[in-house]
Amino acid sequence: MKWKKLGLVYAPEKNLWWNQLYAILPTPFYLKDQGIIRVYFATTCAERYGRITYVDVDANNPTEIVNNPHEFIIDIGQPGAFDDCGVNVSSVIEYNDNIYLYYAGYQRHSRTPYSILSGLAIGDDHHLFKRYSSVPVLERTDTELDLRSAPTVIYEDGKFKMWYVAGMGWKHVEGEVHKNKFMPVYQLKYGESEDGKKWNVESEPVFKLEKDEFGFGRPFIYKKADNIYQLYYSIRRSSRSYRIGFAESEDGRLWTRKDNEIGIDVSSSGWDAEMICYPAVISAQGKTYMFYNGNNNGETGFGVAELINE
């Protein structure tokens, strides 16, 4: 596998009060009849409260923004809700003539930095969304107290299938990269649902952390033309910042990690020279693209790469 970087697509504009920092978790949706890819993402105000917005890019030239509404489509939650400190899109699918937008909702805390749980907003088009509920569709459990986040969802075989980030607690991560910072430990889990709202989740992780890994960030499912599932994710290690990895599966359940074959890494300089993370893969106009974040978890914006060799 080999990806050709096409360049930075979008960086925070800083001319709107709610759009000052970050353009995080780019989530593409192909609008074939319009020849565009709508890329949903979150950006934050100066106080780092995230809100969801989007830009439309040319499906033939995804570095070209053809529409930027300059408005957010989902605001932070009401005070006291699981998402009152920010919302961040992670998956968008069509179902029964509606758009299901799954998102991560943030709350800040004292003894731990934050919790992130997963919510759902439903719209009848790509502009108007309403929260399904003020509480998460992935609520806390005894074993996952504060991270059940960043779900990627598909609908097939008459049911919804979800892969998401599951927390395993917190620890101080030593070394030159993270400098003893108090950080979450997290893995990926799988669940199914009949309605996309109530989920049954398997107890075992998709695969286990290895060596100095302590987190797998934002999974994203892409199903190839030959019906092979690909699971893209970000690998967090004690020894270095996020890098992109992927695994393949014939059934979406049993995975073979192929991180060394990903074919994309940090650049020698610029907006993605320190980190690449949060990939999302989509096919459009006969091409396959990866949208992804760069330095400092998306503070510098998001870019796109094109698959040139499998």
Foldseek 3Di string as FASTA:
>chain_A
DAWFFPDFQDAFPCPDQAGNFFFFQWEWDDPFVVQWIKTKWWHGGPVRAIFIAIFIAHNVRRSHTPGGPPDGQGHAADPPFQQNRYKTWQEWDDDPLKIKTKIWGWDQDDVDGIAIAIFIWIGNDDRHTDTPDSHHLGAADPQAHGYFGRWYWDDDPQKIKIKTKGWRAWFQQPDDARHRDIGTFIAIWMWIGNPVRHIDTDPDGLDDDDDQWRGWARWEWDADPVRKIKIKTWTQGSHAGTDIWMWIDNPVRRTDTDRVPPNDGADCDDQANRYKGNWYWDDHPNWIKIKIAHPPNGRRHITMITDDDD
